[in-house]
Protein backbone atom coordinates (compact mmCIF):
# COMPACT_ATOMS: atom_id res chain seq x y z
CA MET A 1 68.73 164.21 82.24
CA THR A 2 70.88 161.14 82.72
CA ASN A 3 74.58 161.90 82.96
CA THR A 4 77.37 159.71 81.52
CA ARG A 5 78.68 158.62 84.92
CA GLU A 6 75.24 157.36 85.96
CA ILE A 7 75.00 155.28 82.74
CA ASP A 8 78.43 153.78 83.32
CA GLN A 9 77.44 152.74 86.85
CA PHE A 10 74.01 151.29 85.99
CA THR A 11 74.09 147.55 85.36
CA GLY A 12 71.66 144.79 84.58
CA LEU A 13 72.09 141.12 85.40
CA ILE A 14 70.22 138.79 83.03
CA LEU A 15 69.70 135.13 83.90
CA LEU A 16 68.28 132.90 81.16
CA THR A 17 67.39 129.24 81.73
CA GLY A 18 65.65 126.67 79.59
CA ASN A 19 66.00 123.54 77.52
CA ASP A 20 69.03 123.90 75.29
CA LYS A 21 68.46 124.34 71.57
CA PRO A 22 70.12 126.26 68.73
CA GLY A 23 69.40 129.98 68.50
CA ILE A 24 68.78 130.91 72.14
CA THR A 25 72.03 132.84 72.67
CA GLU A 26 71.60 134.60 69.32
CA ALA A 27 68.02 135.58 70.21
CA LEU A 28 69.06 137.07 73.54
CA PHE A 29 71.77 139.28 72.09
CA ALA A 30 69.62 140.24 69.10
CA THR A 31 67.05 141.46 71.64
CA LEU A 32 69.68 143.62 73.37
CA SER A 33 71.30 144.92 70.17
CA PRO A 34 68.99 147.92 69.50
CA PHE A 35 69.94 149.43 72.86
CA SER A 36 73.07 151.25 74.00
CA VAL A 37 74.38 148.31 76.00
CA ALA A 38 77.90 147.13 76.87
CA ILE A 39 78.60 143.49 77.82
CA LEU A 40 80.58 143.37 81.08
CA ASP A 41 80.58 139.64 81.82
CA ILE A 42 79.05 136.46 80.48
CA GLU A 43 78.86 132.82 81.51
CA GLN A 44 77.04 129.97 79.78
CA VAL A 45 76.83 126.31 80.70
CA VAL A 46 74.72 123.33 79.60
CA ILE A 47 74.07 120.57 82.12
CA SER A 48 72.00 117.57 81.02
CA HIS A 49 70.50 119.54 78.10
CA ARG A 50 69.55 122.43 80.39
CA LEU A 51 70.97 125.83 79.46
CA ILE A 52 71.99 128.44 82.01
CA LEU A 53 73.15 131.75 80.51
CA THR A 54 74.11 134.74 82.65
CA VAL A 55 74.98 138.15 81.21
CA LEU A 56 76.00 141.34 82.98
CA ILE A 57 75.41 144.53 81.01
CA ALA A 58 75.97 148.26 81.45
CA LEU A 59 73.02 150.28 80.17
CA ASN A 60 71.28 153.61 80.17
CA PRO A 61 68.80 153.52 83.10
CA ALA A 62 66.23 155.17 80.88
CA HIS A 63 66.16 152.00 78.76
CA GLU A 64 65.46 149.59 81.61
CA LYS A 65 61.71 149.20 81.06
CA ALA A 66 62.07 148.84 77.29
CA ILE A 67 64.76 146.17 77.69
CA VAL A 68 62.62 144.25 80.19
CA ALA A 69 59.65 144.37 77.80
CA ASP A 70 61.72 143.10 74.87
CA LEU A 71 63.26 140.36 77.03
CA LEU A 72 59.74 139.22 77.94
CA GLN A 73 58.95 138.81 74.25
CA CYS A 74 62.22 136.89 73.79
CA GLU A 75 61.30 134.67 76.74
CA GLN A 76 57.95 133.79 75.18
CA SER A 77 59.20 133.25 71.63
CA MET A 78 62.12 131.02 72.68
CA ASP A 79 60.20 129.19 75.45
CA VAL A 80 62.78 130.03 78.13
CA GLU A 81 62.76 131.80 81.49
CA ILE A 82 64.52 135.16 81.88
CA ALA A 83 65.09 136.98 85.17
CA THR A 84 66.66 140.42 85.52
CA LEU A 85 68.22 142.47 88.29
CA PHE A 86 69.17 146.13 87.77
CA SER A 87 71.48 148.08 90.07
CA THR A 88 73.47 151.28 90.40
CA ASN A 89 76.34 149.36 92.04
CA THR A 90 79.11 148.54 89.60
CA PRO A 91 80.42 145.04 90.38
CA GLN A 92 84.12 144.38 90.21
CA SER A 93 84.97 142.27 87.18
CA ILE A 94 86.79 139.01 87.81
CA ALA A 95 89.26 140.12 85.15
CA VAL A 96 90.71 142.81 87.43
CA LYS A 97 90.85 140.77 90.62
CA LYS A 98 94.28 139.84 91.93
CA GLY A 99 95.50 136.68 93.59
CA LEU A 100 92.93 134.31 92.09
CA LEU A 101 93.35 130.67 93.09
CA HIS A 102 92.24 127.46 91.40
CA VAL A 103 90.95 124.71 93.67
CA VAL A 104 90.47 121.39 91.89
CA ILE A 105 88.72 118.50 93.60
CA LEU A 106 88.49 114.96 92.23
CA SER A 107 86.33 112.06 93.30
CA THR A 108 84.98 108.81 91.94
CA LYS A 109 81.71 109.61 93.74
CA LEU A 110 81.18 113.20 94.82
CA HIS A 111 78.64 113.72 97.63
CA PRO A 112 76.84 117.05 98.27
CA LEU A 113 78.10 116.99 101.86
CA ALA A 114 81.68 117.18 100.58
CA LEU A 115 80.89 120.24 98.45
CA ALA A 116 79.08 121.86 101.36
CA ALA A 117 82.08 121.31 103.64
CA ILE A 118 84.57 122.54 101.04
CA SER A 119 82.64 125.70 100.17
CA GLY A 120 82.01 126.38 103.87
CA ALA A 121 85.71 126.05 104.65
CA MET A 122 86.53 128.49 101.85
CA ALA A 123 84.09 131.00 103.28
CA SER A 124 85.54 130.56 106.77
CA VAL A 125 88.89 131.99 105.63
CA GLY A 126 87.36 134.79 103.59
CA ALA A 127 87.45 133.20 100.14
CA ASN A 128 84.86 134.19 97.58
CA ILE A 129 83.92 131.64 94.93
CA GLU A 130 83.96 133.40 91.56
CA ARG A 131 83.25 130.44 89.31
CA ILE A 132 82.69 126.69 89.47
CA SER A 133 83.10 124.41 86.47
CA ARG A 134 83.28 120.70 85.74
CA THR A 135 86.42 119.64 83.89
CA ALA A 136 85.85 115.86 83.83
CA SER A 137 83.04 113.43 84.54
CA GLN A 138 84.43 109.95 83.82
CA PRO A 139 86.01 107.86 85.30
CA VAL A 140 86.39 110.54 87.98
CA ILE A 141 84.50 113.78 88.36
CA ALA A 142 86.69 116.88 88.50
CA ILE A 143 85.32 120.20 89.76
CA GLU A 144 87.33 123.42 89.59
CA PHE A 145 86.62 126.42 91.82
CA LEU A 146 88.06 129.83 90.96
CA ILE A 147 88.29 131.77 94.21
CA SER A 148 89.49 135.20 95.36
CA GLY A 149 90.23 137.03 98.58
CA VAL A 150 92.44 134.47 100.31
CA GLU A 151 96.07 133.34 100.43
CA GLN A 152 96.96 129.91 99.03
CA ILE A 153 98.47 128.67 102.29
CA ALA A 154 95.33 129.58 104.26
CA VAL A 155 92.86 127.84 101.97
CA SER A 156 95.12 124.79 101.61
CA ALA A 157 95.31 124.45 105.39
CA VAL A 158 91.53 124.43 105.91
CA LEU A 159 90.73 122.24 102.90
CA ALA A 160 93.28 119.46 103.46
CA PRO A 161 91.52 117.81 106.44
CA ILE A 162 88.14 118.16 104.75
CA ALA A 163 89.43 116.48 101.59
CA ALA A 164 90.74 113.59 103.67
CA LYS A 165 87.52 113.27 105.67
CA HIS A 166 85.31 113.17 102.58
CA ASN A 167 87.65 111.04 100.48
CA VAL A 168 88.21 113.59 97.73
CA ASP A 169 91.50 114.55 96.09
CA MET A 170 92.42 118.20 95.91
CA ALA A 171 94.95 120.69 94.61
CA VAL A 172 95.19 124.43 95.28
CA GLN A 173 97.20 126.44 92.75
CA PRO A 174 97.68 130.11 91.91
CA GLY A 175 96.05 131.49 88.80
CA GLY A 176 97.74 133.50 86.09
CA LEU A 177 99.92 132.59 83.15
CA LEU A 178 102.28 130.43 85.22
CA ARG A 179 99.58 127.79 85.45
CA LEU A 180 99.61 127.54 81.66
CA ALA A 181 103.40 127.72 81.30
CA LYS A 182 105.59 124.83 80.21
CA LYS A 183 106.10 122.20 82.89
CA LEU A 184 108.52 119.39 83.67
CA VAL A 185 106.58 116.42 85.03
CA GLN A 186 108.71 113.81 86.78
CA LEU A 187 107.29 110.42 87.70
CA ASP A 188 108.39 107.59 89.93
CA VAL A 189 108.14 104.23 88.15
CA ASP A 190 107.25 101.31 90.44
CA SER A 191 103.57 101.50 91.53
CA THR A 192 103.29 104.91 89.84
CA LEU A 193 104.09 104.78 86.14
CA ILE A 194 103.69 100.99 86.20
CA GLN A 195 101.45 98.81 88.36
CA GLN A 196 104.19 96.46 89.58
CA GLU A 197 107.33 96.59 91.73
CA VAL A 198 110.19 95.42 89.50
CA ILE A 199 112.32 94.12 92.37
CA GLU A 200 109.47 91.82 93.39
CA LEU A 201 109.14 90.44 89.86
CA LEU A 202 112.87 89.71 89.76
CA ALA A 203 112.74 88.17 93.25
CA ALA A 204 110.01 85.80 92.08
CA LYS A 205 112.33 84.59 89.29
CA ALA A 206 115.04 83.91 91.87
CA GLY A 207 112.67 82.25 94.32
CA VAL A 208 113.44 84.79 97.04
CA SER A 209 110.16 86.71 97.19
CA GLN A 210 109.68 86.19 100.93
CA LYS A 211 113.20 87.30 101.81
CA VAL A 212 112.85 90.41 99.66
CA ARG A 213 109.56 91.30 101.34
CA GLU A 214 111.18 90.91 104.77
CA ILE A 215 113.95 93.36 103.82
CA THR A 216 111.37 95.76 102.39
CA ASP A 217 109.46 95.61 105.70
CA LEU A 218 112.67 96.47 107.59
CA ALA A 219 113.10 99.54 105.41
CA MET A 220 109.45 100.51 105.92
CA ARG A 221 109.99 100.36 109.69
CA GLY A 222 113.04 102.60 109.37
CA GLU A 223 115.52 99.89 110.36
CA LEU A 224 117.27 100.13 106.97
CA ASP A 225 117.67 103.12 104.67
CA PHE A 226 116.78 102.79 101.01
CA GLU A 227 120.31 102.14 99.76
CA GLN A 228 120.95 99.44 102.35
CA SER A 229 117.67 97.73 101.62
CA LEU A 230 118.17 97.92 97.86
CA ARG A 231 121.68 96.47 97.97
CA SER A 232 120.49 93.70 100.31
CA ARG A 233 117.63 92.79 98.00
CA VAL A 234 119.73 92.91 94.83
CA LYS A 235 122.30 90.64 96.47
CA LEU A 236 119.59 87.96 96.63
CA LEU A 237 119.32 88.09 92.83
CA LYS A 238 122.89 86.89 92.33
CA GLY A 239 123.14 84.17 89.71
CA LEU A 240 119.95 85.00 87.81
CA PRO A 241 120.47 84.72 84.05
CA GLU A 242 120.29 87.96 82.10
CA SER A 243 117.38 86.50 80.14
CA VAL A 244 115.03 87.08 83.10
CA ILE A 245 115.17 90.80 82.34
CA SER A 246 113.25 90.39 79.09
CA GLU A 247 110.79 88.09 80.89
CA VAL A 248 110.10 90.76 83.50
CA GLN A 249 109.78 93.43 80.80
CA ASN A 250 106.87 91.44 79.41
CA GLU A 251 105.23 91.26 82.84
CA ILE A 252 105.13 94.98 83.64
CA SER A 253 102.07 97.02 82.68
CA LEU A 254 101.39 100.74 82.65
CA THR A 255 99.15 102.25 85.29
CA LEU A 256 95.70 103.14 83.97
CA GLY A 257 95.85 106.51 82.25
CA ALA A 258 99.66 106.67 82.17
CA ARG A 259 99.93 106.73 78.38
CA THR A 260 97.17 109.35 78.11
CA LEU A 261 98.96 111.52 80.67
CA ILE A 262 102.32 111.36 78.95
CA ASP A 263 101.01 111.67 75.39
CA THR A 264 98.87 114.68 76.36
CA LEU A 265 101.75 116.41 78.15
CA HIS A 266 103.97 115.91 75.11
CA ARG A 267 101.32 117.23 72.71
CA LEU A 268 100.91 120.33 74.87
CA GLY A 269 104.65 121.02 74.83
CA HIS A 270 105.55 119.87 78.34
CA SER A 271 108.55 117.68 79.20
CA VAL A 272 108.41 114.34 81.01
CA ALA A 273 111.03 112.59 83.12
CA VAL A 274 111.08 109.33 85.05
CA VAL A 275 113.24 108.45 88.03
CA SER A 276 113.31 105.02 89.58
CA GLY A 277 114.74 103.15 92.50
CA GLY A 278 114.26 100.17 90.18
CA PHE A 279 116.37 99.24 87.21
CA ILE A 280 116.99 100.83 83.83
CA ASP A 281 117.69 97.35 82.48
CA VAL A 282 113.98 96.54 82.82
CA ILE A 283 112.26 99.85 82.08
CA ALA A 284 114.39 101.13 79.17
CA PRO A 285 112.12 99.74 76.37
CA LEU A 286 109.03 101.17 78.07
CA VAL A 287 110.65 104.58 78.49
CA ASP A 288 111.65 104.57 74.82
CA SER A 289 108.15 103.61 73.68
CA LEU A 290 106.70 106.54 75.65
CA LYS A 291 109.30 108.92 74.15
CA ILE A 292 110.29 110.12 77.60
CA LYS A 293 113.17 112.57 77.35
CA TYR A 294 114.85 112.19 80.74
CA VAL A 295 115.41 109.08 82.82
CA LYS A 296 117.47 108.01 85.81
CA ALA A 297 117.36 104.57 87.41
CA ASN A 298 119.64 101.98 88.99
CA LYS A 299 121.74 99.66 86.83
CA LEU A 300 122.12 95.96 87.56
CA GLU A 301 125.66 94.64 87.27
CA ILE A 302 125.77 91.80 84.73
CA ILE A 303 128.89 89.75 83.98
CA ASP A 304 129.06 86.86 81.52
CA GLY A 305 125.28 86.82 81.15
CA PHE A 306 124.42 86.60 84.86
CA LEU A 307 123.40 89.09 87.57
CA THR A 308 126.22 89.52 90.08
CA GLY A 309 123.99 90.73 92.91
CA ASN A 310 125.54 94.21 92.72
CA ILE A 311 124.50 97.61 91.39
CA SER A 312 126.60 99.52 88.87
CA GLY A 313 127.14 103.20 89.60
CA GLU A 314 125.31 105.43 92.06
CA VAL A 315 122.13 104.36 93.78
CA ILE A 316 119.06 106.39 92.86
CA ASP A 317 117.65 107.14 96.30
CA ARG A 318 115.35 109.93 97.49
CA ALA A 319 118.11 112.56 97.39
CA ALA A 320 119.12 111.49 93.87
CA LYS A 321 115.52 111.78 92.68
CA ALA A 322 115.31 115.37 93.91
CA ALA A 323 118.69 116.15 92.36
CA ALA A 324 117.48 114.71 89.05
CA LEU A 325 114.42 116.97 89.14
CA ARG A 326 116.63 120.02 89.57
CA GLU A 327 119.03 118.83 86.86
CA PHE A 328 116.28 118.15 84.31
CA ALA A 329 114.56 121.47 85.09
CA GLU A 330 117.81 123.31 84.47
CA LEU A 331 118.28 121.47 81.17
CA GLU A 332 114.78 122.63 80.16
CA ASN A 333 115.46 126.21 81.38
CA LEU A 334 112.58 125.93 83.83
CA THR A 335 112.27 127.18 87.38
CA MET A 336 111.43 124.72 90.14
CA SER A 337 107.99 126.33 90.37
CA GLN A 338 107.37 124.89 86.90
CA THR A 339 108.07 121.31 88.01
CA ILE A 340 105.69 118.57 89.09
CA ALA A 341 106.76 115.41 90.90
CA ILE A 342 104.56 112.32 91.22
CA GLY A 343 105.32 109.35 93.46
CA ASP A 344 103.97 106.93 96.02
CA GLY A 345 106.69 106.05 98.52
CA ALA A 346 109.17 107.43 101.02
CA ASN A 347 111.84 107.35 98.32
CA ASP A 348 109.87 110.09 96.51
CA LEU A 349 109.56 112.50 99.44
CA ASP A 350 112.49 114.74 98.54
CA MET A 351 111.44 115.31 94.94
CA ILE A 352 107.82 115.87 96.00
CA ALA A 353 109.01 118.51 98.47
CA ALA A 354 111.29 120.15 95.90
CA ALA A 355 108.72 120.37 93.10
CA GLY A 356 106.43 123.29 92.43
CA LEU A 357 103.57 120.80 92.74
CA GLY A 358 104.15 117.51 94.57
CA ILE A 359 101.54 114.81 93.96
CA ALA A 360 101.16 111.63 96.00
CA PHE A 361 99.70 108.88 93.82
CA ASN A 362 97.95 106.05 95.71
CA ALA A 363 100.58 106.72 98.32
CA LYS A 364 101.45 105.83 101.88
CA PRO A 365 99.93 108.17 104.54
CA ALA A 366 103.26 109.88 105.24
CA VAL A 367 103.69 110.71 101.55
CA LYS A 368 100.12 112.04 101.30
CA ALA A 369 100.76 114.28 104.29
CA ALA A 370 103.92 115.71 102.71
CA ALA A 371 102.51 116.28 99.21
CA ASP A 372 100.68 119.35 97.90
CA SER A 373 98.02 117.07 96.45
CA SER A 374 97.15 113.40 96.44
CA LEU A 375 95.33 111.10 94.04
CA THR A 376 93.58 108.04 95.38
CA ALA A 377 91.78 106.89 92.22
CA PRO A 378 93.91 104.48 90.13
CA TYR A 379 93.98 106.75 87.06
CA LEU A 380 97.26 108.53 86.40
CA ASP A 381 95.75 110.85 83.78
CA SER A 382 93.80 112.50 86.64
CA VAL A 383 96.97 114.56 87.07
CA LEU A 384 95.87 116.48 83.97
CA TYR A 385 92.74 117.69 85.74
CA LEU A 386 94.83 119.03 88.61
CA LEU A 387 96.68 121.11 86.02
CA GLY A 388 93.43 122.60 84.75
CA ILE A 389 93.29 120.49 81.58
CA ALA A 390 89.71 119.40 80.93
CA SER A 391 88.72 116.01 79.57
CA GLU A 392 87.38 117.72 76.44
CA ASP A 393 90.79 119.31 75.88
CA ILE A 394 92.50 115.92 76.24
CA GLU A 395 90.27 114.46 73.55
CA SER A 396 90.90 117.44 71.27
CA THR A 397 94.67 116.96 71.49
CA ARG A 398 94.22 113.40 70.24
CA GLU A 399 92.42 114.73 67.20
């Protein structure tokens, strides 16, 4: 006689593969329906028209042979392959596991060696891969691992050098509801939200491009701080007519994927902010067109229709960008763990460090090293994949 405890602990793993067509999933469960079976777990995926369906069931061990016989008939009638494995060991469901982590990797061309190195590194620190899924395929491929058994800091430490070596972008984030909670996403502007550097466009109008680049190089070498370099560069713009601002506005262009990123975030209920070491005079129309709620940037001083070579008000430097992130998060009643900061330069380091998730976008090496994640492909909407938003979900929000 089979006791109740033995039935509860007896499981069957069913693996079905075959060419995808309507009715296969229905046929499998119709085959199981006459038996006293409970579904414990299920996973189905279709890759290039090939179906892979895995089902874990609890069953009465006395029914094993009858279920196998009926599954064989199902296999023949549906022209698929079905494998089974029965056991008295009750596997732990992923639903009850604690401390699950999401590891997202992005690449324009993903090589098997990269996946081998990444999965090997996970195993080396005791991580178990629970699931792997593709969340995007074009123009970048995004793969998400759900892992257990390891702390975030440990897996991040071993994966970071591997990601750099194999030229893949990566983010490691905790699972749970916080990942789906409302976020504040704050972006730098020059070379992040837009493809250009506004100060360089203005310098070209004034015929001082070379001098501006020389000052920028001094700042890059640490011989000038950001405020000093900005004031020195703006001073070279003295005498430019105010009309050049509208000319420059027509010359700036959004980074690829920027509109998709911002529109999708808005549709999903998130808030967006921009902070810039550039000038509100130039970016204001763009910010308005994107319906961005929060913005902070420098203001050019203009008197009698001409640039004076000075800045009005406080300078938006790296400290001011971080302060803006905290201010905007407070206005949205969000914790700092619910903030994301995206930038490319040294002026973005403080806000990247302060954010719950700091992302370096096509950034300098020092910024990449400081950020939680980096993106090297020129598509700003790739940020969505790091947040666990699949390309199919992005398209559905448009509808």
